[in-house]
Amino acid sequence: MRKLADQIETELKKQEICALYDSQLARVWPRRMSLGKRKQQIKRFAREHELAVTFYDVGLCAIFEKPQAPAPGAKRVLVLDSDEAKPSRKRRS
């Protein structure tokens, strides 16, 4: 685990995020573990190393980054594709 922590730390010095894929994660958290348990242990590892973690395609990729404290009064906004661009389908009675 120390080797993994060192790898993440090195990557975060060069860039804002460190992506680890399933093959890399499986070295520490084997695939034979339940998905829930793997995620739980990866989250614990992130907390212990003061990192934020986000999962993409659960079990495939974990993105580690240094947590950022939001500026006072700042709000996070998630922008999604607008449904207006897609034609709406009305139900026929």
PDB file of N, CA and C in Angstrom:
ATOM      1  N   MET A   1       0.820  -1.194   0.000  1.00  0.00           N
ATOM      2  CA  MET A   1       0.000   0.000   0.000  1.00  0.00           C
ATOM      3  C   MET A   1       0.868   1.264   0.000  1.00  0.00           C
ATOM      4  N   ARG A   2       2.000   1.168   0.653  1.00  0.00           N
ATOM      5  CA  ARG A   2       2.897   2.324   0.689  1.00  0.00           C
ATOM      6  C   ARG A   2       3.370   2.683  -0.719  1.00  0.00           C
ATOM      7  N   LYS A   3       3.642   1.662  -1.518  1.00  0.00           N
ATOM      8  CA  LYS A   3       4.091   1.881  -2.893  1.00  0.00           C
ATOM      9  C   LYS A   3       3.001   2.595  -3.708  1.00  0.00           C
ATOM     10  N   LEU A   4       1.758   2.183  -3.503  1.00  0.00           N
ATOM     11  CA  LEU A   4       0.636   2.815  -4.189  1.00  0.00           C
ATOM     12  C   LEU A   4       0.496   4.268  -3.750  1.00  0.00           C
ATOM     13  N   ALA A   5       0.609   4.516  -2.460  1.00  0.00           N
ATOM     14  CA  ALA A   5       0.516   5.883  -1.940  1.00  0.00           C
ATOM     15  C   ALA A   5       1.627   6.757  -2.519  1.00  0.00           C
ATOM     16  N   ASP A   6       2.830   6.199  -2.627  1.00  0.00           N
ATOM     17  CA  ASP A   6       3.949   6.947  -3.212  1.00  0.00           C
ATOM     18  C   ASP A   6       3.691   7.271  -4.679  1.00  0.00           C
ATOM     19  N   GLN A   7       3.136   6.294  -5.412  1.00  0.00           N
ATOM     20  CA  GLN A   7       2.818   6.512  -6.826  1.00  0.00           C
ATOM     21  C   GLN A   7       1.810   7.648  -6.992  1.00  0.00           C
ATOM     22  N   ILE A   8       0.769   7.630  -6.164  1.00  0.00           N
ATOM     23  CA  ILE A   8      -0.265   8.676  -6.238  1.00  0.00           C
ATOM     24  C   ILE A   8       0.349  10.024  -5.888  1.00  0.00           C
ATOM     25  N   GLU A   9       1.147  10.069  -4.832  1.00  0.00           N
ATOM     26  CA  GLU A   9       1.780  11.314  -4.406  1.00  0.00           C
ATOM     27  C   GLU A   9       2.666  11.888  -5.521  1.00  0.00           C
ATOM     28  N   THR A  10       3.429  11.036  -6.170  1.00  0.00           N
ATOM     29  CA  THR A  10       4.300  11.471  -7.272  1.00  0.00           C
ATOM     30  C   THR A  10       3.479  12.049  -8.418  1.00  0.00           C
ATOM     31  N   GLU A  11       2.399  11.361  -8.787  1.00  0.00           N
ATOM     32  CA  GLU A  11       1.542  11.838  -9.883  1.00  0.00           C
ATOM     33  C   GLU A  11       0.888  13.173  -9.541  1.00  0.00           C
ATOM     34  N   LEU A  12       0.469  13.325  -8.283  1.00  0.00           N
ATOM     35  CA  LEU A  12      -0.215  14.557  -7.885  1.00  0.00           C
ATOM     36  C   LEU A  12       0.727  15.753  -7.813  1.00  0.00           C
ATOM     37  N   LYS A  13       2.016  15.500  -7.766  1.00  0.00           N
ATOM     38  CA  LYS A  13       2.977  16.606  -7.832  1.00  0.00           C
ATOM     39  C   LYS A  13       3.075  17.138  -9.255  1.00  0.00           C
ATOM     40  N   LYS A  14       2.820  16.255 -10.246  1.00  0.00           N
ATOM     41  CA  LYS A  14       2.923  16.632 -11.651  1.00  0.00           C
ATOM     42  C   LYS A  14       1.606  17.134 -12.238  1.00  0.00           C
ATOM     43  N   GLN A  15       0.503  16.606 -11.740  1.00  0.00           N
ATOM     44  CA  GLN A  15      -0.810  16.963 -12.286  1.00  0.00           C
ATOM     45  C   GLN A  15      -1.850  16.940 -11.175  1.00  0.00           C
ATOM     46  N   GLU A  16      -3.056  17.408 -11.502  1.00  0.00           N
ATOM     47  CA  GLU A  16      -4.089  17.564 -10.482  1.00  0.00           C
ATOM     48  C   GLU A  16      -4.744  16.259 -10.063  1.00  0.00           C
ATOM     49  N   ILE A  17      -4.731  15.265 -10.946  1.00  0.00           N
ATOM     50  CA  ILE A  17      -5.384  13.996 -10.620  1.00  0.00           C
ATOM     51  C   ILE A  17      -4.453  12.822 -10.883  1.00  0.00           C
ATOM     52  N   CYS A  18      -4.795  11.696 -10.281  1.00  0.00           N
ATOM     53  CA  CYS A  18      -4.076  10.450 -10.520  1.00  0.00           C
ATOM     54  C   CYS A  18      -5.127   9.369 -10.756  1.00  0.00           C
ATOM     55  N   ALA A  19      -5.175   8.842 -11.965  1.00  0.00           N
ATOM     56  CA  ALA A  19      -6.138   7.794 -12.314  1.00  0.00           C
ATOM     57  C   ALA A  19      -5.473   6.432 -12.158  1.00  0.00           C
ATOM     58  N   LEU A  20      -6.119   5.566 -11.416  1.00  0.00           N
ATOM     59  CA  LEU A  20      -5.641   4.197 -11.266  1.00  0.00           C
ATOM     60  C   LEU A  20      -6.719   3.263 -11.798  1.00  0.00           C
ATOM     61  N   TYR A  21      -6.319   2.382 -12.682  1.00  0.00           N
ATOM     62  CA  TYR A  21      -7.263   1.468 -13.297  1.00  0.00           C
ATOM     63  C   TYR A  21      -7.319   0.154 -12.537  1.00  0.00           C
ATOM     64  N   ASP A  22      -8.294  -0.653 -12.870  1.00  0.00           N
ATOM     65  CA  ASP A  22      -8.585  -1.874 -12.136  1.00  0.00           C
ATOM     66  C   ASP A  22      -7.362  -2.768 -11.960  1.00  0.00           C
ATOM     67  N   SER A  23      -6.545  -2.911 -12.993  1.00  0.00           N
ATOM     68  CA  SER A  23      -5.371  -3.775 -12.876  1.00  0.00           C
ATOM     69  C   SER A  23      -4.402  -3.274 -11.809  1.00  0.00           C
ATOM     70  N   GLN A  24      -4.290  -1.943 -11.675  1.00  0.00           N
ATOM     71  CA  GLN A  24      -3.423  -1.370 -10.648  1.00  0.00           C
ATOM     72  C   GLN A  24      -4.061  -1.492  -9.271  1.00  0.00           C
ATOM     73  N   LEU A  25      -5.365  -1.260  -9.194  1.00  0.00           N
ATOM     74  CA  LEU A  25      -6.082  -1.356  -7.919  1.00  0.00           C
ATOM     75  C   LEU A  25      -6.100  -2.796  -7.403  1.00  0.00           C
ATOM     76  N   ALA A  26      -6.161  -3.762  -8.337  1.00  0.00           N
ATOM     77  CA  ALA A  26      -6.255  -5.179  -7.961  1.00  0.00           C
ATOM     78  C   ALA A  26      -5.004  -5.680  -7.247  1.00  0.00           C
ATOM     79  N   ARG A  27      -3.907  -4.980  -7.394  1.00  0.00           N
ATOM     80  CA  ARG A  27      -2.681  -5.390  -6.691  1.00  0.00           C
ATOM     81  C   ARG A  27      -2.837  -5.253  -5.184  1.00  0.00           C
ATOM     82  N   VAL A  28      -3.621  -4.279  -4.771  1.00  0.00           N
ATOM     83  CA  VAL A  28      -3.839  -4.042  -3.340  1.00  0.00           C
ATOM     84  C   VAL A  28      -5.207  -4.564  -2.906  1.00  0.00           C
ATOM     85  N   TRP A  29      -6.225  -4.340  -3.750  1.00  0.00           N
ATOM     86  CA  TRP A  29      -7.591  -4.771  -3.452  1.00  0.00           C
ATOM     87  C   TRP A  29      -8.009  -5.769  -4.526  1.00  0.00           C
ATOM     88  N   PRO A  30      -7.821  -7.066  -4.262  1.00  0.00           N
ATOM     89  CA  PRO A  30      -8.077  -8.106  -5.278  1.00  0.00           C
ATOM     90  C   PRO A  30      -9.508  -8.087  -5.805  1.00  0.00           C
ATOM     91  N   ARG A  31      -9.650  -8.478  -7.055  1.00  0.00           N
ATOM     92  CA  ARG A  31     -10.963  -8.513  -7.716  1.00  0.00           C
ATOM     93  C   ARG A  31     -11.904  -9.532  -7.082  1.00  0.00           C
ATOM     94  N   ARG A  32     -11.357 -10.497  -6.363  1.00  0.00           N
ATOM     95  CA  ARG A  32     -12.222 -11.512  -5.747  1.00  0.00           C
ATOM     96  C   ARG A  32     -13.021 -10.940  -4.573  1.00  0.00           C
ATOM     97  N   MET A  33     -12.622  -9.755  -4.092  1.00  0.00           N
ATOM     98  CA  MET A  33     -13.385  -9.075  -3.036  1.00  0.00           C
ATOM     99  C   MET A  33     -14.683  -8.566  -3.634  1.00  0.00           C
ATOM    100  N   SER A  34     -15.693  -8.435  -2.821  1.00  0.00           N
ATOM    101  CA  SER A  34     -16.943  -7.870  -3.326  1.00  0.00           C
ATOM    102  C   SER A  34     -16.693  -6.421  -3.720  1.00  0.00           C
ATOM    103  N   LEU A  35     -17.434  -5.964  -4.705  1.00  0.00           N
ATOM    104  CA  LEU A  35     -17.271  -4.605  -5.211  1.00  0.00           C
ATOM    105  C   LEU A  35     -17.479  -3.576  -4.098  1.00  0.00           C
ATOM    106  N   GLY A  36     -18.479  -3.796  -3.263  1.00  0.00           N
ATOM    107  CA  GLY A  36     -18.752  -2.880  -2.162  1.00  0.00           C
ATOM    108  C   GLY A  36     -17.592  -2.785  -1.185  1.00  0.00           C
ATOM    109  N   LYS A  37     -17.011  -3.933  -0.868  1.00  0.00           N
ATOM    110  CA  LYS A  37     -15.890  -3.954   0.072  1.00  0.00           C
ATOM    111  C   LYS A  37     -14.663  -3.277  -0.534  1.00  0.00           C
ATOM    112  N   ARG A  38     -14.419  -3.521  -1.832  1.00  0.00           N
ATOM    113  CA  ARG A  38     -13.285  -2.868  -2.513  1.00  0.00           C
ATOM    114  C   ARG A  38     -13.439  -1.358  -2.454  1.00  0.00           C
ATOM    115  N   LYS A  39     -14.624  -0.871  -2.821  1.00  0.00           N
ATOM    116  CA  LYS A  39     -14.864   0.577  -2.803  1.00  0.00           C
ATOM    117  C   LYS A  39     -14.675   1.137  -1.404  1.00  0.00           C
ATOM    118  N   GLN A  40     -15.193   0.445  -0.408  1.00  0.00           N
ATOM    119  CA  GLN A  40     -15.089   0.896   0.976  1.00  0.00           C
ATOM    120  C   GLN A  40     -13.623   1.002   1.394  1.00  0.00           C
ATOM    121  N   GLN A  41     -12.824   0.008   1.057  1.00  0.00           N
ATOM    122  CA  GLN A  41     -11.423   0.019   1.451  1.00  0.00           C
ATOM    123  C   GLN A  41     -10.620   1.074   0.678  1.00  0.00           C
ATOM    124  N   ILE A  42     -10.975   1.288  -0.596  1.00  0.00           N
ATOM    125  CA  ILE A  42     -10.307   2.332  -1.380  1.00  0.00           C
ATOM    126  C   ILE A  42     -10.643   3.706  -0.807  1.00  0.00           C
ATOM    127  N   LYS A  43     -11.890   3.910  -0.402  1.00  0.00           N
ATOM    128  CA  LYS A  43     -12.295   5.185   0.215  1.00  0.00           C
ATOM    129  C   LYS A  43     -11.543   5.396   1.528  1.00  0.00           C
ATOM    130  N   ARG A  44     -11.401   4.336   2.328  1.00  0.00           N
ATOM    131  CA  ARG A  44     -10.666   4.440   3.589  1.00  0.00           C
ATOM    132  C   ARG A  44      -9.202   4.815   3.325  1.00  0.00           C
ATOM    133  N   PHE A  45      -8.596   4.169   2.325  1.00  0.00           N
ATOM    134  CA  PHE A  45      -7.218   4.480   1.932  1.00  0.00           C
ATOM    135  C   PHE A  45      -7.107   5.959   1.556  1.00  0.00           C
ATOM    136  N   ALA A  46      -8.058   6.460   0.778  1.00  0.00           N
ATOM    137  CA  ALA A  46      -8.041   7.874   0.364  1.00  0.00           C
ATOM    138  C   ALA A  46      -8.134   8.790   1.587  1.00  0.00           C
ATOM    139  N   ARG A  47      -9.054   8.491   2.494  1.00  0.00           N
ATOM    140  CA  ARG A  47      -9.199   9.313   3.716  1.00  0.00           C
ATOM    141  C   ARG A  47      -7.908   9.318   4.526  1.00  0.00           C
ATOM    142  N   GLU A  48      -7.305   8.147   4.693  1.00  0.00           N
ATOM    143  CA  GLU A  48      -6.077   8.032   5.483  1.00  0.00           C
ATOM    144  C   GLU A  48      -4.925   8.820   4.873  1.00  0.00           C
ATOM    145  N   HIS A  49      -4.952   9.005   3.558  1.00  0.00           N
ATOM    146  CA  HIS A  49      -3.891   9.738   2.876  1.00  0.00           C
ATOM    147  C   HIS A  49      -4.335  11.142   2.463  1.00  0.00           C
ATOM    148  N   GLU A  50      -5.437  11.586   3.064  1.00  0.00           N
ATOM    149  CA  GLU A  50      -5.990  12.929   2.824  1.00  0.00           C
ATOM    150  C   GLU A  50      -6.183  13.215   1.337  1.00  0.00           C
ATOM    151  N   LEU A  51      -6.861  12.277   0.687  1.00  0.00           N
ATOM    152  CA  LEU A  51      -7.162  12.398  -0.735  1.00  0.00           C
ATOM    153  C   LEU A  51      -8.660  12.282  -0.952  1.00  0.00           C
ATOM    154  N   ALA A  52      -9.116  12.854  -2.032  1.00  0.00           N
ATOM    155  CA  ALA A  52     -10.488  12.643  -2.469  1.00  0.00           C
ATOM    156  C   ALA A  52     -10.435  11.547  -3.527  1.00  0.00           C
ATOM    157  N   VAL A  53     -11.469  10.727  -3.600  1.00  0.00           N
ATOM    158  CA  VAL A  53     -11.506   9.669  -4.618  1.00  0.00           C
ATOM    159  C   VAL A  53     -12.879   9.673  -5.282  1.00  0.00           C
ATOM    160  N   THR A  54     -12.864   9.471  -6.575  1.00  0.00           N
ATOM    161  CA  THR A  54     -14.084   9.362  -7.372  1.00  0.00           C
ATOM    162  C   THR A  54     -13.962   8.100  -8.201  1.00  0.00           C
ATOM    163  N   PHE A  55     -15.039   7.349  -8.289  1.00  0.00           N
ATOM    164  CA  PHE A  55     -15.028   6.120  -9.079  1.00  0.00           C
ATOM    165  C   PHE A  55     -15.737   6.355 -10.406  1.00  0.00           C
ATOM    166  N   TYR A  56     -15.132   5.854 -11.462  1.00  0.00           N
ATOM    167  CA  TYR A  56     -15.745   5.883 -12.784  1.00  0.00           C
ATOM    168  C   TYR A  56     -15.825   4.450 -13.262  1.00  0.00           C
ATOM    169  N   ASP A  57     -16.968   4.085 -13.805  1.00  0.00           N
ATOM    170  CA  ASP A  57     -17.189   2.690 -14.201  1.00  0.00           C
ATOM    171  C   ASP A  57     -16.704   1.812 -13.057  1.00  0.00           C
ATOM    172  N   VAL A  58     -17.448   1.869 -11.980  1.00  0.00           N
ATOM    173  CA  VAL A  58     -17.061   1.245 -10.716  1.00  0.00           C
ATOM    174  C   VAL A  58     -16.303  -0.055 -10.939  1.00  0.00           C
ATOM    175  N   GLY A  59     -15.177  -0.165 -10.287  1.00  0.00           N
ATOM    176  CA  GLY A  59     -14.336  -1.328 -10.426  1.00  0.00           C
ATOM    177  C   GLY A  59     -13.352  -1.197 -11.564  1.00  0.00           C
ATOM    178  N   LEU A  60     -13.466  -0.147 -12.343  1.00  0.00           N
ATOM    179  CA  LEU A  60     -12.583   0.032 -13.485  1.00  0.00           C
ATOM    180  C   LEU A  60     -11.559   1.126 -13.240  1.00  0.00           C
ATOM    181  N   CYS A  61     -11.986   2.242 -12.646  1.00  0.00           N
ATOM    182  CA  CYS A  61     -11.075   3.372 -12.508  1.00  0.00           C
ATOM    183  C   CYS A  61     -11.397   4.167 -11.243  1.00  0.00           C
ATOM    184  N   ALA A  62     -10.354   4.511 -10.499  1.00  0.00           N
ATOM    185  CA  ALA A  62     -10.491   5.378  -9.327  1.00  0.00           C
ATOM    186  C   ALA A  62      -9.624   6.604  -9.584  1.00  0.00           C
ATOM    187  N   ILE A  63     -10.211   7.778  -9.440  1.00  0.00           N
ATOM    188  CA  ILE A  63      -9.504   9.031  -9.643  1.00  0.00           C
ATOM    189  C   ILE A  63      -9.202   9.627  -8.275  1.00  0.00           C
ATOM    190  N   PHE A  64      -7.922   9.809  -7.984  1.00  0.00           N
ATOM    191  CA  PHE A  64      -7.504  10.396  -6.715  1.00  0.00           C
ATOM    192  C   PHE A  64      -7.073  11.833  -6.960  1.00  0.00           C
ATOM    193  N   GLU A  65      -7.407  12.703  -6.017  1.00  0.00           N
ATOM    194  CA  GLU A  65      -6.965  14.091  -6.085  1.00  0.00           C
ATOM    195  C   GLU A  65      -6.906  14.645  -4.677  1.00  0.00           C
ATOM    196  N   LYS A  66      -6.161  15.735  -4.534  1.00  0.00           N
ATOM    197  CA  LYS A  66      -6.104  16.382  -3.234  1.00  0.00           C
ATOM    198  C   LYS A  66      -7.420  17.111  -3.035  1.00  0.00           C
ATOM    199  N   PRO A  67      -8.036  16.945  -1.863  1.00  0.00           N
ATOM    200  CA  PRO A  67      -9.304  17.637  -1.638  1.00  0.00           C
ATOM    201  C   PRO A  67      -9.082  19.142  -1.614  1.00  0.00           C
ATOM    202  N   GLN A  68     -10.010  19.862  -2.173  1.00  0.00           N
ATOM    203  CA  GLN A  68      -9.902  21.315  -2.207  1.00  0.00           C
ATOM    204  C   GLN A  68     -10.997  21.912  -1.345  1.00  0.00           C
ATOM    205  N   ALA A  69     -10.603  22.793  -0.470  1.00  0.00           N
ATOM    206  CA  ALA A  69     -11.585  23.482   0.364  1.00  0.00           C
ATOM    207  C   ALA A  69     -12.248  24.546  -0.491  1.00  0.00           C
ATOM    208  N   PRO A  70     -13.575  24.544  -0.544  1.00  0.00           N
ATOM    209  CA  PRO A  70     -14.243  25.563  -1.357  1.00  0.00           C
ATOM    210  C   PRO A  70     -14.054  26.952  -0.762  1.00  0.00           C
ATOM    211  N   ALA A  71     -14.002  27.934  -1.626  1.00  0.00           N
ATOM    212  CA  ALA A  71     -13.901  29.317  -1.169  1.00  0.00           C
ATOM    213  C   ALA A  71     -15.181  29.670  -0.415  1.00  0.00           C
ATOM    214  N   PRO A  72     -15.092  30.576   0.566  1.00  0.00           N
ATOM    215  CA  PRO A  72     -16.289  30.957   1.316  1.00  0.00           C
ATOM    216  C   PRO A  72     -17.388  31.422   0.365  1.00  0.00           C
ATOM    217  N   GLY A  73     -18.559  30.866   0.525  1.00  0.00           N
ATOM    218  CA  GLY A  73     -19.697  31.257  -0.296  1.00  0.00           C
ATOM    219  C   GLY A  73     -19.716  30.600  -1.675  1.00  0.00           C
ATOM    220  N   ALA A  74     -18.709  29.801  -1.988  1.00  0.00           N
ATOM    221  CA  ALA A  74     -18.654  29.157  -3.305  1.00  0.00           C
ATOM    222  C   ALA A  74     -19.638  27.997  -3.359  1.00  0.00           C
ATOM    223  N   LYS A  75     -20.191  27.785  -4.515  1.00  0.00           N
ATOM    224  CA  LYS A  75     -21.114  26.677  -4.721  1.00  0.00           C
ATOM    225  C   LYS A  75     -20.621  25.864  -5.899  1.00  0.00           C
ATOM    226  N   ARG A  76     -20.760  24.567  -5.797  1.00  0.00           N
ATOM    227  CA  ARG A  76     -20.397  23.706  -6.920  1.00  0.00           C
ATOM    228  C   ARG A  76     -21.619  23.559  -7.816  1.00  0.00           C
ATOM    229  N   VAL A  77     -21.373  23.637  -9.094  1.00  0.00           N
ATOM    230  CA  VAL A  77     -22.461  23.511 -10.051  1.00  0.00           C
ATOM    231  C   VAL A  77     -22.092  22.418 -11.042  1.00  0.00           C
ATOM    232  N   LEU A  78     -22.998  21.486 -11.234  1.00  0.00           N
ATOM    233  CA  LEU A  78     -22.796  20.423 -12.199  1.00  0.00           C
ATOM    234  C   LEU A  78     -23.667  20.742 -13.405  1.00  0.00           C
ATOM    235  N   VAL A  79     -23.046  20.944 -14.549  1.00  0.00           N
ATOM    236  CA  VAL A  79     -23.773  21.292 -15.755  1.00  0.00           C
ATOM    237  C   VAL A  79     -23.999  20.022 -16.560  1.00  0.00           C
ATOM    238  N   LEU A  80     -25.247  19.737 -16.853  1.00  0.00           N
ATOM    239  CA  LEU A  80     -25.596  18.569 -17.645  1.00  0.00           C
ATOM    240  C   LEU A  80     -26.093  19.013 -19.008  1.00  0.00           C
ATOM    241  N   ASP A  81     -26.028  18.115 -19.970  1.00  0.00           N
ATOM    242  CA  ASP A  81     -26.561  18.439 -21.290  1.00  0.00           C
ATOM    243  C   ASP A  81     -28.037  18.788 -21.154  1.00  0.00           C
ATOM    244  N   SER A  82     -28.429  19.787 -21.870  1.00  0.00           N
ATOM    245  CA  SER A  82     -29.805  20.238 -21.814  1.00  0.00           C
ATOM    246  C   SER A  82     -30.709  19.286 -22.580  1.00  0.00           C
ATOM    247  N   ASP A  83     -31.882  19.017 -22.022  1.00  0.00           N
ATOM    248  CA  ASP A  83     -32.864  18.190 -22.718  1.00  0.00           C
ATOM    249  C   ASP A  83     -33.545  18.972 -23.838  1.00  0.00           C
ATOM    250  N   GLU A  84     -33.370  20.289 -23.825  1.00  0.00           N
ATOM    251  CA  GLU A  84     -34.011  21.121 -24.840  1.00  0.00           C
ATOM    252  C   GLU A  84     -33.482  20.817 -26.231  1.00  0.00           C
ATOM    253  N   ALA A  85     -32.260  20.384 -26.320  1.00  0.00           N
ATOM    254  CA  ALA A  85     -31.658  20.105 -27.617  1.00  0.00           C
ATOM    255  C   ALA A  85     -32.235  18.837 -28.235  1.00  0.00           C
ATOM    256  N   LYS A  86     -32.814  17.983 -27.406  1.00  0.00           N
ATOM    257  CA  LYS A  86     -33.385  16.737 -27.896  1.00  0.00           C
ATOM    258  C   LYS A  86     -34.885  16.914 -28.081  1.00  0.00           C
ATOM    259  N   PRO A  87     -35.429  16.390 -29.164  1.00  0.00           N
ATOM    260  CA  PRO A  87     -36.879  16.511 -29.346  1.00  0.00           C
ATOM    261  C   PRO A  87     -37.592  15.695 -28.278  1.00  0.00           C
ATOM    262  N   SER A  88     -38.625  16.277 -27.727  1.00  0.00           N
ATOM    263  CA  SER A  88     -39.365  15.571 -26.679  1.00  0.00           C
ATOM    264  C   SER A  88     -40.370  14.629 -27.311  1.00  0.00           C
ATOM    265  N   ARG A  89     -40.582  13.516 -26.664  1.00  0.00           N
ATOM    266  CA  ARG A  89     -41.556  12.548 -27.140  1.00  0.00           C
ATOM    267  C   ARG A  89     -42.740  12.596 -26.197  1.00  0.00           C
ATOM    268  N   LYS A  90     -43.871  12.904 -26.747  1.00  0.00           N
ATOM    269  CA  LYS A  90     -45.079  12.951 -25.932  1.00  0.00           C
ATOM    270  C   LYS A  90     -45.781  11.614 -26.019  1.00  0.00           C
ATOM    271  N   ARG A  91     -46.346  11.220 -24.903  1.00  0.00           N
ATOM    272  CA  ARG A  91     -47.104   9.979 -24.872  1.00  0.00           C
ATOM    273  C   ARG A  91     -48.421  10.165 -25.581  1.00  0.00           C
ATOM    274  N   ARG A  92     -48.762   9.208 -26.347  1.00  0.00           N
ATOM    275  CA  ARG A  92     -50.071   9.257 -27.015  1.00  0.00           C
ATOM    276  C   ARG A  92     -51.063   8.504 -26.154  1.00  0.00           C
ATOM    277  N   SER A  93     -52.220   9.069 -26.029  1.00  0.00           N
ATOM    278  CA  SER A  93     -53.258   8.421 -25.215  1.00  0.00           C
ATOM    279  C   SER A  93     -54.043   7.417 -26.021  1.00  0.00           C
TER     280      SER A  93
END
